[in-house]
């Protein structure tokens, strides 16, 4: 999955214009977050996206993968 971080300004009537470099017909997920004065770093934002992935839930939370308890 490729994440593209863009900051755009809301236009008249609440309209946004997004220009993407994806081929026509490509399905994309758009998440709109109001930008605040204190924006988190890009690394922090990506970490929040990754914490909900299947790898985190199925591999990292698997007790069989918790090898530190055996030391």
PDB file of N, CA and C in Angstrom:
ATOM      1  N   UNK A   1       0.843  -1.170   0.000  1.00  0.00           N
ATOM      2  CA  UNK A   1       0.000   0.000   0.000  1.00  0.00           C
ATOM      3  C   UNK A   1       0.890   1.235   0.000  1.00  0.00           C
ATOM      4  N   UNK A   2       0.598   2.152  -0.867  1.00  0.00           N
ATOM      5  CA  UNK A   2       1.326   3.412  -0.944  1.00  0.00           C
ATOM      6  C   UNK A   2       0.489   4.497  -0.277  1.00  0.00           C
ATOM      7  N   UNK A   3       1.104   5.286   0.577  1.00  0.00           N
ATOM      8  CA  UNK A   3       0.411   6.386   1.245  1.00  0.00           C
ATOM      9  C   UNK A   3       0.930   7.691   0.668  1.00  0.00           C
ATOM     10  N   UNK A   4       0.002   8.523   0.217  1.00  0.00           N
ATOM     11  CA  UNK A   4       0.341   9.835  -0.320  1.00  0.00           C
ATOM     12  C   UNK A   4      -0.239  10.869   0.638  1.00  0.00           C
ATOM     13  N   UNK A   5       0.610  11.702   1.191  1.00  0.00           N
ATOM     14  CA  UNK A   5       0.190  12.720   2.141  1.00  0.00           C
ATOM     15  C   UNK A   5       0.122  14.057   1.425  1.00  0.00           C
ATOM     16  N   UNK A   6      -1.078  14.631   1.322  1.00  0.00           N
ATOM     17  CA  UNK A   6      -1.254  15.914   0.644  1.00  0.00           C
ATOM     18  C   UNK A   6      -2.003  16.855   1.573  1.00  0.00           C
ATOM     19  N   UNK A   7      -1.621  18.109   1.560  1.00  0.00           N
ATOM     20  CA  UNK A   7      -2.362  19.136   2.282  1.00  0.00           C
ATOM     21  C   UNK A   7      -2.991  20.041   1.246  1.00  0.00           C
ATOM     22  N   UNK A   8      -4.321  20.146   1.285  1.00  0.00           N
ATOM     23  CA  UNK A   8      -5.044  20.988   0.341  1.00  0.00           C
ATOM     24  C   UNK A   8      -5.941  21.937   1.132  1.00  0.00           C
ATOM     25  N   UNK A   9      -6.392  22.987   0.482  1.00  0.00           N
ATOM     26  CA  UNK A   9      -7.259  23.972   1.107  1.00  0.00           C
ATOM     27  C   UNK A   9      -8.678  23.782   0.596  1.00  0.00           C
ATOM     28  N   UNK A  10      -9.626  23.809   1.520  1.00  0.00           N
ATOM     29  CA  UNK A  10     -11.036  23.669   1.158  1.00  0.00           C
ATOM     30  C   UNK A  10     -11.466  24.908   0.399  1.00  0.00           C
ATOM     31  N   UNK A  11     -12.123  24.678  -0.724  1.00  0.00           N
ATOM     32  CA  UNK A  11     -12.575  25.785  -1.557  1.00  0.00           C
ATOM     33  C   UNK A  11     -13.985  26.221  -1.224  1.00  0.00           C
ATOM     34  N   UNK A  12     -14.531  27.066  -2.065  1.00  0.00           N
ATOM     35  CA  UNK A  12     -15.884  27.587  -1.897  1.00  0.00           C
ATOM     36  C   UNK A  12     -16.872  26.425  -1.909  1.00  0.00           C
ATOM     37  N   UNK A  13     -17.789  26.432  -0.983  1.00  0.00           N
ATOM     38  CA  UNK A  13     -18.794  25.373  -0.929  1.00  0.00           C
ATOM     39  C   UNK A  13     -18.265  24.082  -0.337  1.00  0.00           C
ATOM     40  N   UNK A  14     -17.082  24.113   0.278  1.00  0.00           N
ATOM     41  CA  UNK A  14     -16.523  22.922   0.906  1.00  0.00           C
ATOM     42  C   UNK A  14     -15.947  21.920  -0.077  1.00  0.00           C
ATOM     43  N   UNK A  15     -15.588  22.355  -1.274  1.00  0.00           N
ATOM     44  CA  UNK A  15     -15.082  21.437  -2.285  1.00  0.00           C
ATOM     45  C   UNK A  15     -13.571  21.278  -2.187  1.00  0.00           C
ATOM     46  N   UNK A  16     -13.117  20.046  -2.440  1.00  0.00           N
ATOM     47  CA  UNK A  16     -11.700  19.730  -2.526  1.00  0.00           C
ATOM     48  C   UNK A  16     -11.416  19.183  -3.914  1.00  0.00           C
ATOM     49  N   UNK A  17     -10.245  19.493  -4.421  1.00  0.00           N
ATOM     50  CA  UNK A  17      -9.824  18.938  -5.706  1.00  0.00           C
ATOM     51  C   UNK A  17      -8.551  18.149  -5.455  1.00  0.00           C
ATOM     52  N   UNK A  18      -8.600  16.858  -5.753  1.00  0.00           N
ATOM     53  CA  UNK A  18      -7.439  15.981  -5.607  1.00  0.00           C
ATOM     54  C   UNK A  18      -7.031  15.485  -6.984  1.00  0.00           C
ATOM     55  N   UNK A  19      -5.786  15.682  -7.329  1.00  0.00           N
ATOM     56  CA  UNK A  19      -5.268  15.148  -8.579  1.00  0.00           C
ATOM     57  C   UNK A  19      -4.336  14.010  -8.233  1.00  0.00           C
ATOM     58  N   UNK A  20      -4.622  12.829  -8.757  1.00  0.00           N
ATOM     59  CA  UNK A  20      -3.871  11.621  -8.429  1.00  0.00           C
ATOM     60  C   UNK A  20      -3.131  11.132  -9.667  1.00  0.00           C
ATOM     61  N   UNK A  21      -2.043  10.426  -9.418  1.00  0.00           N
ATOM     62  CA  UNK A  21      -1.279   9.859 -10.535  1.00  0.00           C
ATOM     63  C   UNK A  21      -1.641   8.392 -10.744  1.00  0.00           C
ATOM     64  N   UNK A  22      -2.852   8.012 -10.385  1.00  0.00           N
ATOM     65  CA  UNK A  22      -3.323   6.629 -10.556  1.00  0.00           C
ATOM     66  C   UNK A  22      -4.086   6.512 -11.866  1.00  0.00           C
ATOM     67  N   UNK A  23      -4.068   5.330 -12.465  1.00  0.00           N
ATOM     68  CA  UNK A  23      -4.852   5.133 -13.693  1.00  0.00           C
ATOM     69  C   UNK A  23      -6.347   5.257 -13.402  1.00  0.00           C
ATOM     70  N   UNK A  24      -7.110   5.663 -14.407  1.00  0.00           N
ATOM     71  CA  UNK A  24      -8.566   5.769 -14.269  1.00  0.00           C
ATOM     72  C   UNK A  24      -9.146   4.421 -13.856  1.00  0.00           C
ATOM     73  N   UNK A  25     -10.082   4.447 -12.939  1.00  0.00           N
ATOM     74  CA  UNK A  25     -10.709   3.217 -12.462  1.00  0.00           C
ATOM     75  C   UNK A  25     -10.047   2.617 -11.241  1.00  0.00           C
ATOM     76  N   UNK A  26      -8.905   3.147 -10.816  1.00  0.00           N
ATOM     77  CA  UNK A  26      -8.222   2.646  -9.624  1.00  0.00           C
ATOM     78  C   UNK A  26      -9.024   3.038  -8.393  1.00  0.00           C
ATOM     79  N   UNK A  27      -9.259   2.067  -7.503  1.00  0.00           N
ATOM     80  CA  UNK A  27      -9.968   2.351  -6.252  1.00  0.00           C
ATOM     81  C   UNK A  27      -8.961   2.856  -5.225  1.00  0.00           C
ATOM     82  N   UNK A  28      -9.288   3.949  -4.553  1.00  0.00           N
ATOM     83  CA  UNK A  28      -8.426   4.534  -3.535  1.00  0.00           C
ATOM     84  C   UNK A  28      -9.254   4.807  -2.279  1.00  0.00           C
ATOM     85  N   UNK A  29      -8.586   4.889  -1.142  1.00  0.00           N
ATOM     86  CA  UNK A  29      -9.240   5.261   0.107  1.00  0.00           C
ATOM     87  C   UNK A  29      -8.804   6.682   0.435  1.00  0.00           C
ATOM     88  N   UNK A  30      -9.777   7.528   0.697  1.00  0.00           N
ATOM     89  CA  UNK A  30      -9.493   8.921   1.035  1.00  0.00           C
ATOM     90  C   UNK A  30      -9.906   9.144   2.480  1.00  0.00           C
ATOM     91  N   UNK A  31      -8.964   9.621   3.286  1.00  0.00           N
ATOM     92  CA  UNK A  31      -9.226   9.939   4.685  1.00  0.00           C
ATOM     93  C   UNK A  31      -8.973  11.427   4.851  1.00  0.00           C
ATOM     94  N   UNK A  32      -9.973  12.156   5.316  1.00  0.00           N
ATOM     95  CA  UNK A  32      -9.846  13.598   5.465  1.00  0.00           C
ATOM     96  C   UNK A  32      -9.704  13.919   6.945  1.00  0.00           C
ATOM     97  N   UNK A  33      -8.621  14.598   7.293  1.00  0.00           N
ATOM     98  CA  UNK A  33      -8.345  15.000   8.665  1.00  0.00           C
ATOM     99  C   UNK A  33      -8.039  16.493   8.642  1.00  0.00           C
ATOM    100  N   UNK A  34      -8.728  17.245   9.505  1.00  0.00           N
ATOM    101  CA  UNK A  34      -8.461  18.676   9.555  1.00  0.00           C
ATOM    102  C   UNK A  34      -7.065  18.916  10.099  1.00  0.00           C
ATOM    103  N   UNK A  35      -6.296  19.722   9.393  1.00  0.00           N
ATOM    104  CA  UNK A  35      -4.934  20.000   9.812  1.00  0.00           C
ATOM    105  C   UNK A  35      -4.960  20.959  10.999  1.00  0.00           C
ATOM    106  N   UNK A  36      -4.210  20.611  12.029  1.00  0.00           N
ATOM    107  CA  UNK A  36      -4.152  21.473  13.206  1.00  0.00           C
ATOM    108  C   UNK A  36      -2.831  22.234  13.211  1.00  0.00           C
ATOM    109  N   UNK A  37      -2.694  23.131  14.162  1.00  0.00           N
ATOM    110  CA  UNK A  37      -1.453  23.892  14.283  1.00  0.00           C
ATOM    111  C   UNK A  37      -0.284  22.993  14.650  1.00  0.00           C
ATOM    112  N   UNK A  38      -0.561  21.926  15.398  1.00  0.00           N
ATOM    113  CA  UNK A  38       0.485  20.992  15.811  1.00  0.00           C
ATOM    114  C   UNK A  38       0.224  19.671  15.086  1.00  0.00           C
ATOM    115  N   UNK A  39       0.785  19.526  13.910  1.00  0.00           N
ATOM    116  CA  UNK A  39       0.590  18.313  13.123  1.00  0.00           C
ATOM    117  C   UNK A  39       1.599  17.255  13.564  1.00  0.00           C
ATOM    118  N   UNK A  40       1.156  15.987  13.692  1.00  0.00           N
ATOM    119  CA  UNK A  40       2.111  14.935  14.062  1.00  0.00           C
ATOM    120  C   UNK A  40       3.104  14.699  12.936  1.00  0.00           C
ATOM    121  N   UNK A  41       4.236  14.140  13.286  1.00  0.00           N
ATOM    122  CA  UNK A  41       5.234  13.851  12.270  1.00  0.00           C
ATOM    123  C   UNK A  41       4.715  12.776  11.325  1.00  0.00           C
ATOM    124  N   UNK A  42       5.298  12.700  10.171  1.00  0.00           N
ATOM    125  CA  UNK A  42       4.870  11.701   9.186  1.00  0.00           C
ATOM    126  C   UNK A  42       5.088  10.292   9.726  1.00  0.00           C
ATOM    127  N   UNK A  43       6.176  10.094  10.467  1.00  0.00           N
ATOM    128  CA  UNK A  43       6.447   8.770  11.042  1.00  0.00           C
ATOM    129  C   UNK A  43       5.357   8.376  12.031  1.00  0.00           C
ATOM    130  N   UNK A  44       4.909   9.313  12.839  1.00  0.00           N
ATOM    131  CA  UNK A  44       3.842   9.031  13.798  1.00  0.00           C
ATOM    132  C   UNK A  44       2.540   8.708  13.084  1.00  0.00           C
ATOM    133  N   UNK A  45       2.231   9.457  12.048  1.00  0.00           N
ATOM    134  CA  UNK A  45       1.010   9.204  11.290  1.00  0.00           C
ATOM    135  C   UNK A  45       1.043   7.825  10.639  1.00  0.00           C
ATOM    136  N   UNK A  46       2.171   7.433  10.073  1.00  0.00           N
ATOM    137  CA  UNK A  46       2.295   6.112   9.461  1.00  0.00           C
ATOM    138  C   UNK A  46       2.210   5.004  10.502  1.00  0.00           C
ATOM    139  N   UNK A  47       2.741   5.245  11.691  1.00  0.00           N
ATOM    140  CA  UNK A  47       2.665   4.247  12.760  1.00  0.00           C
ATOM    141  C   UNK A  47       1.218   4.002  13.156  1.00  0.00           C
ATOM    142  N   UNK A  48       0.408   5.046  13.188  1.00  0.00           N
ATOM    143  CA  UNK A  48      -1.008   4.884  13.517  1.00  0.00           C
ATOM    144  C   UNK A  48      -1.731   4.078  12.443  1.00  0.00           C
ATOM    145  N   UNK A  49      -1.369   4.269  11.201  1.00  0.00           N
ATOM    146  CA  UNK A  49      -1.981   3.495  10.120  1.00  0.00           C
ATOM    147  C   UNK A  49      -1.590   2.030  10.235  1.00  0.00           C
ATOM    148  N   UNK A  50      -0.328   1.766  10.551  1.00  0.00           N
ATOM    149  CA  UNK A  50       0.167   0.397  10.600  1.00  0.00           C
ATOM    150  C   UNK A  50      -0.319  -0.378  11.816  1.00  0.00           C
ATOM    151  N   UNK A  51      -0.675   0.299  12.905  1.00  0.00           N
ATOM    152  CA  UNK A  51      -1.063  -0.428  14.117  1.00  0.00           C
ATOM    153  C   UNK A  51      -2.366  -1.199  13.937  1.00  0.00           C
ATOM    154  N   UNK A  52      -3.159  -0.831  12.937  1.00  0.00           N
ATOM    155  CA  UNK A  52      -4.409  -1.534  12.695  1.00  0.00           C
ATOM    156  C   UNK A  52      -4.313  -2.588  11.608  1.00  0.00           C
ATOM    157  N   UNK A  53      -3.111  -2.920  11.159  1.00  0.00           N
ATOM    158  CA  UNK A  53      -2.976  -3.878  10.058  1.00  0.00           C
ATOM    159  C   UNK A  53      -3.073  -5.317  10.560  1.00  0.00           C
ATOM    160  N   UNK A  54      -3.303  -6.228   9.662  1.00  0.00           N
ATOM    161  CA  UNK A  54      -3.425  -7.641  10.001  1.00  0.00           C
ATOM    162  C   UNK A  54      -2.167  -8.219  10.612  1.00  0.00           C
ATOM    163  N   UNK A  55      -0.999  -7.744  10.183  1.00  0.00           N
ATOM    164  CA  UNK A  55       0.258  -8.242  10.737  1.00  0.00           C
ATOM    165  C   UNK A  55       0.325  -7.966  12.233  1.00  0.00           C
ATOM    166  N   UNK A  56      -0.065  -6.777  12.639  1.00  0.00           N
ATOM    167  CA  UNK A  56      -0.017  -6.424  14.064  1.00  0.00           C
ATOM    168  C   UNK A  56      -0.980  -7.282  14.869  1.00  0.00           C
ATOM    169  N   UNK A  57      -2.175  -7.512  14.332  1.00  0.00           N
ATOM    170  CA  UNK A  57      -3.177  -8.278  15.068  1.00  0.00           C
ATOM    171  C   UNK A  57      -2.898  -9.775  15.066  1.00  0.00           C
ATOM    172  N   UNK A  58      -2.445 -10.323  13.946  1.00  0.00           N
ATOM    173  CA  UNK A  58      -2.338 -11.775  13.834  1.00  0.00           C
ATOM    174  C   UNK A  58      -0.949 -12.316  14.142  1.00  0.00           C
ATOM    175  N   UNK A  59       0.092 -11.561  13.917  1.00  0.00           N
ATOM    176  CA  UNK A  59       1.448 -12.061  14.158  1.00  0.00           C
ATOM    177  C   UNK A  59       2.020 -11.511  15.456  1.00  0.00           C
ATOM    178  N   UNK A  60       2.047 -10.207  15.589  1.00  0.00           N
ATOM    179  CA  UNK A  60       2.671  -9.617  16.769  1.00  0.00           C
ATOM    180  C   UNK A  60       1.905  -9.924  18.059  1.00  0.00           C
ATOM    181  N   UNK A  61       0.592 -10.076  17.982  1.00  0.00           N
ATOM    182  CA  UNK A  61      -0.183 -10.368  19.190  1.00  0.00           C
ATOM    183  C   UNK A  61      -0.315 -11.864  19.464  1.00  0.00           C
ATOM    184  N   UNK A  62       0.271 -12.703  18.621  1.00  0.00           N
ATOM    185  CA  UNK A  62       0.213 -14.155  18.798  1.00  0.00           C
ATOM    186  C   UNK A  62       1.146 -14.567  19.945  1.00  0.00           C
ATOM    187  N   UNK A  63       0.637 -15.251  20.979  1.00  0.00           N
ATOM    188  CA  UNK A  63       1.492 -15.675  22.091  1.00  0.00           C
ATOM    189  C   UNK A  63       2.677 -16.553  21.654  1.00  0.00           C
ATOM    190  N   UNK A  64       2.530 -17.289  20.567  1.00  0.00           N
ATOM    191  CA  UNK A  64       3.624 -18.129  20.071  1.00  0.00           C
ATOM    192  C   UNK A  64       4.792 -17.275  19.570  1.00  0.00           C
ATOM    193  N   UNK A  65       4.535 -16.036  19.209  1.00  0.00           N
ATOM    194  CA  UNK A  65       5.583 -15.144  18.738  1.00  0.00           C
ATOM    195  C   UNK A  65       6.271 -14.394  19.887  1.00  0.00           C
ATOM    196  N   UNK A  66       5.774 -14.536  21.100  1.00  0.00           N
ATOM    197  CA  UNK A  66       6.329 -13.816  22.239  1.00  0.00           C
ATOM    198  C   UNK A  66       7.509 -14.590  22.804  1.00  0.00           C
ATOM    199  N   UNK A  67       8.655 -14.471  22.158  1.00  0.00           N
ATOM    200  CA  UNK A  67       9.846 -15.247  22.531  1.00  0.00           C
ATOM    201  C   UNK A  67      10.578 -14.656  23.728  1.00  0.00           C
ATOM    202  N   UNK A  68      10.297 -13.407  24.083  1.00  0.00           N
ATOM    203  CA  UNK A  68      11.027 -12.770  25.186  1.00  0.00           C
ATOM    204  C   UNK A  68      10.709 -13.413  26.518  1.00  0.00           C
ATOM    205  N   UNK A  69       9.574 -14.039  26.647  1.00  0.00           N
ATOM    206  CA  UNK A  69       9.217 -14.685  27.912  1.00  0.00           C
ATOM    207  C   UNK A  69      10.049 -15.943  28.174  1.00  0.00           C
ATOM    208  N   UNK A  70      10.640 -16.506  27.115  1.00  0.00           N
ATOM    209  CA  UNK A  70      11.399 -17.749  27.248  1.00  0.00           C
ATOM    210  C   UNK A  70      12.860 -17.496  27.650  1.00  0.00           C
ATOM    211  N   UNK A  71      13.305 -16.264  27.687  1.00  0.00           N
ATOM    212  CA  UNK A  71      14.706 -15.975  27.986  1.00  0.00           C
ATOM    213  C   UNK A  71      15.007 -16.051  29.455  1.00  0.00           C
TER     214      UNK A  71
END
